[in-house]
Amino acid sequence: MAELSSEELEAGRYLFAQACTFVLGCANLNQIPVDNLPEIAFAGCSNVGKSSLINALVGMKALAHTSNTPGRTRQINFFNLADRLMISDLPGYGYARAPKSQVKQWTTLVETYLKGRASLRRSFVLVDARHGVKSSDRNIFRMLDSEAQSYQVVLTKCDKVKAGPLSSLIDACHSELAKHGAAHPKIATTSARKGDGIPELRAAIAALARPSKLG
């Protein structure tokens, strides 16, 4: 991500130092909470590291549940960050150890949510840096493009990729995203395990939140 000012980084640090609480998990659209806060969503293939990234952002080990089993998140989980931002953790798309009917239900839930959520400021689409953009990611890109819903790619597990291949992947992602009208031009590179890129991503998210009452 581009160089950020100390003020932007501090705004991100301050926001994520506040209380972040689990609101509820929604298995159907009727359960989704009222959208009275700015909202961001985390989407990505099963086992891409969404829950680990959320835990790293908020500085907690188990706010969002993590698992080595793809498809563990089976509902949209909502978190309230300091009454300034709602965070949604979406079920992973792609491979999941679940009946096809259930996977179809999750897919419909996620797509309907992403298309119709008026308070959604940005969707962060997570891509495993070891594997690059997959066809299932491209499906999400196209769907968000069609709804003019802003999204930004976040590369996860970057600590597991050497500098050369990572640089090539970033270049390839930039070239691909240039073809997508709703894609944010900046790509976030992160490691939930080592903390790489976390301050910068916090700052980017803080810019989308309700302004602090402190200024």
Protein backbone atom coordinates (compact mmCIF):
# COMPACT_ATOMS: atom_id res chain seq x y z
CA MET A 1 0.00 0.00 0.00
CA ALA A 2 1.09 3.56 -0.58
CA GLU A 3 2.96 5.52 2.06
CA LEU A 4 0.58 6.82 4.72
CA SER A 5 1.00 9.80 7.00
CA SER A 6 1.62 9.41 10.71
CA GLU A 7 -1.83 10.94 11.31
CA GLU A 8 -3.52 8.29 9.16
CA LEU A 9 -1.64 5.48 10.88
CA GLU A 10 -2.51 6.90 14.30
CA ALA A 11 -6.19 7.13 13.33
CA GLY A 12 -6.10 3.46 12.42
CA ARG A 13 -4.28 2.48 15.59
CA TYR A 14 -6.70 4.48 17.73
CA LEU A 15 -9.82 3.01 16.11
CA PHE A 16 -8.69 -0.57 16.51
CA ALA A 17 -7.57 0.05 20.10
CA GLN A 18 -11.25 0.55 20.99
CA ALA A 19 -13.68 -2.16 22.00
CA CYS A 20 -14.78 -4.54 19.25
CA THR A 21 -17.70 -6.77 20.16
CA PHE A 22 -19.53 -9.61 18.46
CA VAL A 23 -23.07 -8.53 17.54
CA LEU A 24 -24.64 -11.63 16.01
CA GLY A 25 -24.33 -14.32 13.38
CA CYS A 26 -26.87 -14.29 10.56
CA ALA A 27 -27.88 -17.41 8.68
CA ASN A 28 -30.54 -15.57 6.67
CA LEU A 29 -31.20 -12.04 5.51
CA ASN A 30 -34.00 -11.45 8.01
CA GLN A 31 -31.45 -11.54 10.84
CA ILE A 32 -29.08 -8.91 9.46
CA PRO A 33 -28.85 -5.92 11.86
CA VAL A 34 -30.07 -2.43 11.03
CA ASP A 35 -27.44 -0.60 9.01
CA ASN A 36 -27.01 2.54 11.11
CA LEU A 37 -23.19 2.47 10.98
CA PRO A 38 -20.72 2.55 8.11
CA GLU A 39 -19.90 -1.04 7.28
CA ILE A 40 -17.09 -3.06 5.73
CA ALA A 41 -17.09 -6.71 4.73
CA PHE A 42 -14.36 -9.34 4.53
CA ALA A 43 -14.82 -11.90 1.77
CA GLY A 44 -12.60 -14.58 0.33
CA CYS A 45 -12.14 -18.24 -0.50
CA SER A 46 -12.55 -20.78 2.27
CA ASN A 47 -9.46 -20.88 4.51
CA VAL A 48 -7.96 -17.70 3.00
CA GLY A 49 -7.45 -16.28 6.50
CA LYS A 50 -10.39 -13.91 7.04
CA SER A 51 -10.83 -14.68 10.72
CA SER A 52 -7.08 -14.54 11.39
CA LEU A 53 -6.87 -11.15 9.70
CA ILE A 54 -9.80 -9.75 11.68
CA ASN A 55 -8.21 -10.99 14.91
CA ALA A 56 -4.92 -9.34 13.94
CA LEU A 57 -6.63 -6.05 13.15
CA VAL A 58 -8.42 -5.86 16.50
CA GLY A 59 -5.47 -7.28 18.46
CA MET A 60 -7.45 -10.21 19.85
CA LYS A 61 -6.73 -13.91 19.49
CA ALA A 62 -10.27 -15.23 19.28
CA LEU A 63 -12.73 -12.49 18.37
CA ALA A 64 -13.32 -14.29 15.08
CA HIS A 65 -13.02 -18.07 15.17
CA THR A 66 -10.26 -19.61 13.09
CA SER A 67 -9.93 -23.14 11.79
CA ASN A 68 -7.81 -25.23 9.46
CA THR A 69 -11.04 -26.72 8.13
CA PRO A 70 -12.33 -24.81 5.09
CA GLY A 71 -15.91 -23.65 5.41
CA ARG A 72 -16.05 -23.23 9.15
CA THR A 73 -17.71 -19.79 8.97
CA ARG A 74 -21.27 -20.71 7.96
CA GLN A 75 -23.03 -17.42 8.52
CA ILE A 76 -22.36 -13.69 8.28
CA ASN A 77 -20.81 -12.65 11.58
CA PHE A 78 -21.16 -8.99 12.55
CA PHE A 79 -18.84 -7.06 14.88
CA ASN A 80 -19.29 -3.53 16.24
CA LEU A 81 -16.06 -1.55 16.43
CA ALA A 82 -16.31 1.35 18.89
CA ASP A 83 -19.81 2.29 17.63
CA ARG A 84 -18.02 3.76 14.61
CA LEU A 85 -17.92 0.81 12.23
CA MET A 86 -19.69 -2.49 11.61
CA ILE A 87 -17.50 -5.34 10.39
CA SER A 88 -18.96 -8.40 8.67
CA ASP A 89 -17.08 -11.67 8.30
CA LEU A 90 -18.61 -13.55 5.36
CA PRO A 91 -18.71 -17.31 4.78
CA GLY A 92 -15.84 -18.43 2.61
CA TYR A 93 -16.67 -19.20 -1.01
CA GLY A 94 -15.23 -22.05 -3.00
CA TYR A 95 -14.37 -25.34 -1.31
CA ALA A 96 -16.20 -26.19 1.93
CA ARG A 97 -16.89 -29.45 3.75
CA ALA A 98 -20.64 -29.09 3.66
CA PRO A 99 -23.58 -30.33 1.58
CA LYS A 100 -23.98 -28.57 -1.76
CA SER A 101 -27.41 -27.30 -0.75
CA GLN A 102 -25.90 -25.58 2.29
CA VAL A 103 -23.06 -24.06 0.25
CA LYS A 104 -25.65 -22.74 -2.22
CA GLN A 105 -27.57 -21.19 0.68
CA TRP A 106 -24.41 -19.42 1.96
CA THR A 107 -23.61 -18.19 -1.55
CA THR A 108 -27.09 -16.73 -2.02
CA LEU A 109 -26.93 -15.11 1.42
CA VAL A 110 -23.55 -13.48 0.73
CA GLU A 111 -24.40 -12.27 -2.78
CA THR A 112 -27.73 -10.79 -1.68
CA TYR A 113 -26.04 -9.06 1.25
CA LEU A 114 -23.24 -7.62 -0.88
CA LYS A 115 -25.66 -6.39 -3.55
CA GLY A 116 -28.19 -4.79 -1.23
CA ARG A 117 -26.39 -3.38 1.81
CA ALA A 118 -26.68 0.40 1.54
CA SER A 119 -24.27 1.07 4.44
CA LEU A 120 -21.47 -1.05 2.94
CA ARG A 121 -18.53 1.27 2.30
CA ARG A 122 -16.09 -1.31 0.97
CA SER A 123 -15.67 -5.05 0.65
CA PHE A 124 -12.19 -6.39 1.28
CA VAL A 125 -11.66 -9.43 -0.92
CA LEU A 126 -8.91 -11.57 0.55
CA VAL A 127 -6.58 -13.52 -1.75
CA ASP A 128 -4.02 -16.05 -0.53
CA ALA A 129 -0.63 -14.78 -1.73
CA ARG A 130 0.55 -18.37 -2.19
CA HIS A 131 -2.11 -19.09 -4.80
CA GLY A 132 -3.06 -15.76 -6.38
CA VAL A 133 -6.43 -14.78 -7.81
CA LYS A 134 -8.74 -17.73 -8.46
CA SER A 135 -11.79 -18.05 -10.70
CA SER A 136 -14.05 -17.83 -7.64
CA ASP A 137 -12.42 -14.48 -6.77
CA ARG A 138 -13.07 -13.24 -10.29
CA ASN A 139 -16.73 -14.17 -9.90
CA ILE A 140 -16.92 -11.92 -6.83
CA PHE A 141 -15.10 -9.13 -8.70
CA ARG A 142 -17.62 -9.30 -11.53
CA MET A 143 -20.60 -9.40 -9.21
CA LEU A 144 -19.37 -6.37 -7.23
CA ASP A 145 -18.57 -4.56 -10.48
CA SER A 146 -22.12 -5.14 -11.69
CA GLU A 147 -23.52 -3.59 -8.50
CA ALA A 148 -20.95 -0.74 -8.39
CA GLN A 149 -19.94 -1.92 -4.90
CA SER A 150 -16.42 -0.76 -4.02
CA TYR A 151 -13.94 -3.52 -3.17
CA GLN A 152 -10.24 -3.82 -2.40
CA VAL A 153 -7.98 -6.85 -2.70
CA VAL A 154 -6.04 -7.86 0.40
CA LEU A 155 -3.25 -10.38 -0.08
CA THR A 156 -2.96 -12.66 2.96
CA LYS A 157 -0.15 -14.91 4.22
CA CYS A 158 2.44 -12.78 2.45
CA ASP A 159 5.11 -13.91 4.91
CA LYS A 160 4.94 -17.34 3.25
CA VAL A 161 5.94 -15.99 -0.17
CA LYS A 162 9.40 -14.79 -1.19
CA ALA A 163 9.86 -11.16 -2.22
CA GLY A 164 10.31 -11.84 -5.95
CA PRO A 165 7.17 -13.96 -6.47
CA LEU A 166 5.18 -11.62 -4.22
CA SER A 167 6.18 -8.60 -6.31
CA SER A 168 5.17 -10.46 -9.48
CA LEU A 169 1.82 -11.38 -7.92
CA ILE A 170 1.15 -7.76 -6.95
CA ASP A 171 1.93 -6.62 -10.51
CA ALA A 172 -0.38 -9.30 -11.93
CA CYS A 173 -3.16 -8.27 -9.54
CA HIS A 174 -2.80 -4.61 -10.52
CA SER A 175 -3.07 -5.54 -14.19
CA GLU A 176 -6.17 -7.65 -13.56
CA LEU A 177 -7.91 -5.14 -11.31
CA ALA A 178 -7.40 -2.36 -13.86
CA LYS A 179 -10.12 -4.12 -15.88
CA HIS A 180 -12.65 -3.91 -13.04
CA GLY A 181 -14.55 -0.69 -12.55
CA ALA A 182 -15.42 -1.08 -8.86
CA ALA A 183 -11.97 -2.24 -7.74
CA HIS A 184 -9.88 -0.02 -5.47
CA PRO A 185 -6.52 0.69 -7.13
CA LYS A 186 -4.44 -0.11 -4.04
CA ILE A 187 -3.65 -3.68 -3.01
CA ALA A 188 -3.03 -4.42 0.66
CA THR A 189 -0.28 -6.94 1.50
CA THR A 190 -0.61 -8.54 4.93
CA SER A 191 0.53 -11.24 7.29
CA ALA A 192 -1.77 -11.88 10.24
CA ARG A 193 0.95 -14.02 11.83
CA LYS A 194 3.75 -11.46 11.64
CA GLY A 195 1.66 -8.27 11.64
CA ASP A 196 2.97 -7.07 8.28
CA GLY A 197 0.64 -4.55 6.64
CA ILE A 198 -1.76 -4.49 9.58
CA PRO A 199 -1.17 -0.81 10.58
CA GLU A 200 -1.67 0.30 6.97
CA LEU A 201 -4.88 -1.71 6.59
CA ARG A 202 -6.17 -0.32 9.88
CA ALA A 203 -5.56 3.19 8.54
CA ALA A 204 -7.41 2.45 5.29
CA ILE A 205 -10.37 1.10 7.25
CA ALA A 206 -10.38 4.01 9.71
CA ALA A 207 -10.93 6.38 6.78
CA LEU A 208 -14.23 4.56 6.12
CA ALA A 209 -15.51 4.67 9.72
CA ARG A 210 -17.76 7.20 11.40
CA PRO A 211 -15.58 10.14 12.57
CA SER A 212 -14.32 9.99 16.13
CA LYS A 213 -16.09 12.22 18.63
CA LEU A 214 -12.62 13.24 19.79
CA GLY A 215 -11.93 14.90 16.51
